[in-house]
Amino acid sequence: MAGRRRPIAWSPEAEADLADIWNYYLEVAGHKVADTVVRSIGEACRMLEEHPLAGRPRDEIRPGLRSALASPYVIFYRVNDGAAQLIRILDGRRDIDEIFSDGPQQD
């Protein structure tokens, strides 16, 4: 039985991350690759619409933070009122702790 689909809320930072990812791949690999990478991230986000608790807890970074993988990208989000709220979409090879230590708390 499929879960109830709830729209995902996107933070401005997550929207900017997705645009940056697409632009990067457009520049280094072309339109088709950029679309494929962003489509992979979109598929992970659609899974979170139906199953927002499917990602792993990331309380070691920030309380209430969760993550889902769209390799090599990590989708960071919170669950509010049963729906996923995207916080950031980051390359998992980056220093995640450093990125979150500099940014504002998103509650």
N, C-alpha and C. Protein backbone atom coordinates (compact mmCIF):
# COMPACT_ATOMS: atom_id res chain seq x y z
N MET A 1 0.85 -1.18 0.00
CA MET A 1 0.00 0.00 0.00
C MET A 1 0.89 1.24 0.00
N ALA A 2 0.66 2.12 -0.92
CA ALA A 2 1.47 3.33 -1.02
C ALA A 2 1.08 4.30 0.08
N GLY A 3 2.08 5.07 0.51
CA GLY A 3 1.83 6.09 1.52
C GLY A 3 1.05 7.26 0.93
N ARG A 4 0.62 8.12 1.78
CA ARG A 4 -0.11 9.31 1.34
C ARG A 4 0.89 10.33 0.82
N ARG A 5 0.69 10.81 -0.38
CA ARG A 5 1.62 11.76 -1.00
C ARG A 5 1.36 13.15 -0.46
N ARG A 6 2.40 13.77 0.11
CA ARG A 6 2.31 15.13 0.63
C ARG A 6 3.36 15.97 -0.10
N PRO A 7 2.99 17.13 -0.60
CA PRO A 7 3.95 17.95 -1.35
C PRO A 7 5.17 18.31 -0.49
N ILE A 8 6.29 18.33 -1.14
CA ILE A 8 7.54 18.69 -0.48
C ILE A 8 7.68 20.21 -0.50
N ALA A 9 8.13 20.75 0.62
CA ALA A 9 8.46 22.18 0.69
C ALA A 9 9.96 22.33 0.44
N TRP A 10 10.31 23.27 -0.39
CA TRP A 10 11.72 23.50 -0.75
C TRP A 10 12.20 24.80 -0.10
N SER A 11 13.32 24.73 0.60
CA SER A 11 13.94 25.96 1.10
C SER A 11 14.60 26.67 -0.08
N PRO A 12 14.82 27.97 0.04
CA PRO A 12 15.55 28.68 -1.03
C PRO A 12 16.93 28.08 -1.27
N GLU A 13 17.58 27.59 -0.21
CA GLU A 13 18.91 26.99 -0.35
C GLU A 13 18.85 25.69 -1.15
N ALA A 14 17.83 24.87 -0.90
CA ALA A 14 17.68 23.62 -1.66
C ALA A 14 17.39 23.91 -3.13
N GLU A 15 16.55 24.91 -3.39
CA GLU A 15 16.28 25.29 -4.78
C GLU A 15 17.55 25.76 -5.47
N ALA A 16 18.35 26.57 -4.76
CA ALA A 16 19.61 27.06 -5.33
C ALA A 16 20.59 25.91 -5.54
N ASP A 17 20.63 24.97 -4.60
CA ASP A 17 21.51 23.80 -4.75
C ASP A 17 21.16 23.03 -6.02
N LEU A 18 19.86 22.78 -6.25
CA LEU A 18 19.45 22.02 -7.43
C LEU A 18 19.81 22.78 -8.72
N ALA A 19 19.60 24.07 -8.73
CA ALA A 19 19.98 24.87 -9.91
C ALA A 19 21.48 24.82 -10.14
N ASP A 20 22.26 24.92 -9.07
CA ASP A 20 23.73 24.86 -9.18
C ASP A 20 24.18 23.51 -9.72
N ILE A 21 23.55 22.43 -9.25
CA ILE A 21 23.90 21.09 -9.71
C ILE A 21 23.62 20.98 -11.21
N TRP A 22 22.44 21.41 -11.65
CA TRP A 22 22.10 21.34 -13.07
C TRP A 22 23.08 22.17 -13.90
N ASN A 23 23.36 23.39 -13.46
CA ASN A 23 24.27 24.25 -14.21
C ASN A 23 25.68 23.67 -14.29
N TYR A 24 26.14 23.06 -13.21
CA TYR A 24 27.47 22.44 -13.21
C TYR A 24 27.54 21.34 -14.27
N TYR A 25 26.57 20.43 -14.24
CA TYR A 25 26.60 19.33 -15.20
C TYR A 25 26.36 19.80 -16.62
N LEU A 26 25.57 20.84 -16.79
CA LEU A 26 25.38 21.41 -18.12
C LEU A 26 26.72 21.87 -18.69
N GLU A 27 27.51 22.53 -17.84
CA GLU A 27 28.80 23.06 -18.28
C GLU A 27 29.83 21.97 -18.55
N VAL A 28 29.91 20.96 -17.68
CA VAL A 28 30.97 19.97 -17.81
C VAL A 28 30.59 18.74 -18.62
N ALA A 29 29.27 18.47 -18.76
CA ALA A 29 28.90 17.22 -19.42
C ALA A 29 27.74 17.35 -20.40
N GLY A 30 27.08 18.49 -20.42
CA GLY A 30 26.01 18.69 -21.38
C GLY A 30 24.61 18.56 -20.80
N HIS A 31 23.66 18.98 -21.62
CA HIS A 31 22.25 19.06 -21.23
C HIS A 31 21.69 17.71 -20.80
N LYS A 32 21.98 16.66 -21.56
CA LYS A 32 21.42 15.33 -21.28
C LYS A 32 21.88 14.82 -19.91
N VAL A 33 23.16 14.97 -19.60
CA VAL A 33 23.68 14.51 -18.31
C VAL A 33 23.09 15.36 -17.18
N ALA A 34 23.02 16.67 -17.38
CA ALA A 34 22.44 17.55 -16.36
C ALA A 34 21.00 17.14 -16.05
N ASP A 35 20.23 16.87 -17.09
CA ASP A 35 18.85 16.43 -16.89
C ASP A 35 18.79 15.09 -16.16
N THR A 36 19.68 14.17 -16.49
CA THR A 36 19.69 12.85 -15.85
C THR A 36 20.00 12.95 -14.37
N VAL A 37 20.98 13.77 -14.01
CA VAL A 37 21.35 13.93 -12.61
C VAL A 37 20.20 14.56 -11.82
N VAL A 38 19.61 15.61 -12.35
CA VAL A 38 18.51 16.28 -11.67
C VAL A 38 17.28 15.37 -11.59
N ARG A 39 17.06 14.57 -12.62
CA ARG A 39 15.94 13.62 -12.60
C ARG A 39 16.13 12.59 -11.48
N SER A 40 17.37 12.14 -11.26
CA SER A 40 17.67 11.20 -10.18
C SER A 40 17.35 11.81 -8.81
N ILE A 41 17.70 13.06 -8.64
CA ILE A 41 17.38 13.76 -7.39
C ILE A 41 15.87 13.89 -7.25
N GLY A 42 15.19 14.20 -8.34
CA GLY A 42 13.73 14.31 -8.33
C GLY A 42 13.05 13.01 -7.94
N GLU A 43 13.58 11.89 -8.40
CA GLU A 43 13.01 10.58 -8.04
C GLU A 43 13.13 10.34 -6.54
N ALA A 44 14.28 10.71 -5.95
CA ALA A 44 14.45 10.56 -4.50
C ALA A 44 13.47 11.47 -3.76
N CYS A 45 13.24 12.65 -4.28
CA CYS A 45 12.29 13.58 -3.65
C CYS A 45 10.86 13.05 -3.73
N ARG A 46 10.49 12.44 -4.85
CA ARG A 46 9.15 11.86 -4.98
C ARG A 46 8.95 10.72 -3.97
N MET A 47 10.00 9.95 -3.70
CA MET A 47 9.91 8.91 -2.70
C MET A 47 9.64 9.53 -1.33
N LEU A 48 10.24 10.67 -1.06
CA LEU A 48 10.03 11.34 0.23
C LEU A 48 8.62 11.90 0.35
N GLU A 49 7.97 12.19 -0.77
CA GLU A 49 6.57 12.65 -0.71
C GLU A 49 5.68 11.56 -0.11
N GLU A 50 5.92 10.32 -0.48
CA GLU A 50 5.10 9.21 0.01
C GLU A 50 5.61 8.64 1.33
N HIS A 51 6.92 8.70 1.52
CA HIS A 51 7.53 8.08 2.70
C HIS A 51 8.55 9.04 3.33
N PRO A 52 8.08 10.10 3.97
CA PRO A 52 9.01 11.11 4.48
C PRO A 52 9.97 10.60 5.56
N LEU A 53 9.64 9.51 6.21
CA LEU A 53 10.53 8.98 7.24
C LEU A 53 11.50 7.93 6.69
N ALA A 54 11.52 7.76 5.38
CA ALA A 54 12.38 6.75 4.76
C ALA A 54 13.86 7.08 4.89
N GLY A 55 14.20 8.36 4.94
CA GLY A 55 15.60 8.75 5.08
C GLY A 55 16.12 8.47 6.47
N ARG A 56 17.42 8.52 6.60
CA ARG A 56 18.01 8.23 7.91
C ARG A 56 18.08 9.49 8.77
N PRO A 57 17.92 9.32 10.08
CA PRO A 57 18.06 10.46 11.00
C PRO A 57 19.50 10.98 10.97
N ARG A 58 19.66 12.29 11.02
CA ARG A 58 20.99 12.92 11.02
C ARG A 58 21.11 13.89 12.20
N ASP A 59 20.66 13.43 13.36
CA ASP A 59 20.71 14.26 14.57
C ASP A 59 22.13 14.66 14.95
N GLU A 60 23.14 13.92 14.45
CA GLU A 60 24.52 14.29 14.75
C GLU A 60 24.91 15.61 14.08
N ILE A 61 24.17 15.99 13.04
CA ILE A 61 24.41 17.27 12.37
C ILE A 61 23.55 18.35 12.99
N ARG A 62 22.24 18.08 13.05
CA ARG A 62 21.26 18.97 13.68
C ARG A 62 20.07 18.14 14.14
N PRO A 63 19.53 18.45 15.30
CA PRO A 63 18.36 17.70 15.77
C PRO A 63 17.20 17.78 14.77
N GLY A 64 16.60 16.63 14.49
CA GLY A 64 15.45 16.57 13.60
C GLY A 64 15.79 16.50 12.13
N LEU A 65 17.07 16.60 11.78
CA LEU A 65 17.48 16.55 10.38
C LEU A 65 17.52 15.09 9.92
N ARG A 66 17.11 14.87 8.68
CA ARG A 66 17.15 13.54 8.07
C ARG A 66 17.85 13.67 6.72
N SER A 67 18.25 12.54 6.13
CA SER A 67 18.85 12.59 4.80
C SER A 67 18.44 11.39 3.97
N ALA A 68 18.42 11.60 2.67
CA ALA A 68 18.16 10.56 1.68
C ALA A 68 19.23 10.68 0.61
N LEU A 69 19.58 9.57 0.01
CA LEU A 69 20.67 9.54 -0.95
C LEU A 69 20.15 9.56 -2.38
N ALA A 70 20.79 10.38 -3.20
CA ALA A 70 20.62 10.38 -4.66
C ALA A 70 22.05 10.49 -5.18
N SER A 71 22.80 9.43 -5.02
CA SER A 71 24.25 9.39 -5.18
C SER A 71 24.75 10.14 -6.41
N PRO A 72 25.75 11.00 -6.25
CA PRO A 72 26.55 11.26 -5.05
C PRO A 72 25.96 12.34 -4.14
N TYR A 73 24.72 12.73 -4.42
CA TYR A 73 24.10 13.82 -3.66
C TYR A 73 23.33 13.30 -2.46
N VAL A 74 23.31 14.13 -1.43
CA VAL A 74 22.57 13.83 -0.21
C VAL A 74 21.52 14.92 -0.05
N ILE A 75 20.28 14.49 0.10
CA ILE A 75 19.16 15.40 0.29
C ILE A 75 18.92 15.51 1.79
N PHE A 76 19.10 16.69 2.34
CA PHE A 76 18.87 16.92 3.76
C PHE A 76 17.49 17.56 3.92
N TYR A 77 16.73 17.04 4.87
CA TYR A 77 15.38 17.53 5.05
C TYR A 77 14.91 17.32 6.48
N ARG A 78 13.80 17.93 6.80
CA ARG A 78 13.10 17.74 8.06
C ARG A 78 11.69 17.25 7.72
N VAL A 79 11.03 16.67 8.70
CA VAL A 79 9.63 16.28 8.52
C VAL A 79 8.80 17.19 9.41
N ASN A 80 7.92 17.96 8.79
CA ASN A 80 7.01 18.86 9.49
C ASN A 80 5.59 18.52 9.10
N ASP A 81 4.75 18.25 10.08
CA ASP A 81 3.35 17.88 9.84
C ASP A 81 3.22 16.75 8.83
N GLY A 82 4.14 15.79 8.91
CA GLY A 82 4.08 14.62 8.04
C GLY A 82 4.60 14.81 6.64
N ALA A 83 5.15 15.98 6.32
CA ALA A 83 5.68 16.24 4.98
C ALA A 83 7.16 16.60 5.06
N ALA A 84 7.89 16.21 4.02
CA ALA A 84 9.32 16.53 3.95
C ALA A 84 9.51 18.00 3.58
N GLN A 85 10.43 18.64 4.28
CA GLN A 85 10.82 20.02 3.98
C GLN A 85 12.30 19.98 3.65
N LEU A 86 12.64 20.16 2.37
CA LEU A 86 14.03 20.08 1.94
C LEU A 86 14.82 21.28 2.46
N ILE A 87 15.98 20.96 3.02
CA ILE A 87 16.85 21.99 3.57
C ILE A 87 18.01 22.27 2.61
N ARG A 88 18.72 21.22 2.20
CA ARG A 88 19.86 21.37 1.28
C ARG A 88 19.98 20.11 0.44
N ILE A 89 20.62 20.24 -0.72
CA ILE A 89 21.00 19.11 -1.56
C ILE A 89 22.50 19.29 -1.82
N LEU A 90 23.30 18.41 -1.22
CA LEU A 90 24.74 18.59 -1.23
C LEU A 90 25.46 17.36 -1.76
N ASP A 91 26.59 17.58 -2.38
CA ASP A 91 27.45 16.48 -2.79
C ASP A 91 27.96 15.82 -1.52
N GLY A 92 27.76 14.53 -1.39
CA GLY A 92 28.15 13.79 -0.20
C GLY A 92 29.65 13.78 0.05
N ARG A 93 30.45 14.17 -0.94
CA ARG A 93 31.91 14.22 -0.77
C ARG A 93 32.38 15.53 -0.16
N ARG A 94 31.45 16.47 0.01
CA ARG A 94 31.82 17.74 0.64
C ARG A 94 31.85 17.59 2.16
N ASP A 95 32.39 18.59 2.84
CA ASP A 95 32.44 18.58 4.30
C ASP A 95 31.09 19.05 4.83
N ILE A 96 30.20 18.09 5.03
CA ILE A 96 28.82 18.38 5.44
C ILE A 96 28.77 19.08 6.80
N ASP A 97 29.58 18.61 7.75
CA ASP A 97 29.60 19.23 9.08
C ASP A 97 29.98 20.71 8.98
N GLU A 98 30.94 21.03 8.16
CA GLU A 98 31.37 22.42 7.99
C GLU A 98 30.27 23.26 7.37
N ILE A 99 29.60 22.72 6.37
CA ILE A 99 28.53 23.47 5.70
C ILE A 99 27.41 23.79 6.69
N PHE A 100 27.00 22.82 7.47
CA PHE A 100 25.91 23.04 8.41
C PHE A 100 26.35 23.84 9.63
N SER A 101 27.64 23.86 9.94
CA SER A 101 28.08 24.67 11.08
C SER A 101 28.03 26.15 10.76
N ASP A 102 28.12 26.51 9.47
CA ASP A 102 28.10 27.91 9.06
C ASP A 102 26.70 28.44 8.82
N GLY A 103 25.77 27.56 8.45
CA GLY A 103 24.44 28.02 8.04
C GLY A 103 23.52 28.24 9.22
N PRO A 104 22.44 28.97 8.97
CA PRO A 104 21.46 29.21 10.04
C PRO A 104 20.68 27.93 10.33
N GLN A 105 20.22 27.81 11.56
CA GLN A 105 19.36 26.69 11.94
C GLN A 105 18.03 26.87 11.21
N GLN A 106 17.54 25.83 10.55
CA GLN A 106 16.26 25.90 9.85
C GLN A 106 15.26 25.06 10.60
N ASP A 107 14.42 25.69 11.35
CA ASP A 107 13.42 24.95 12.14
C ASP A 107 12.04 25.24 11.63
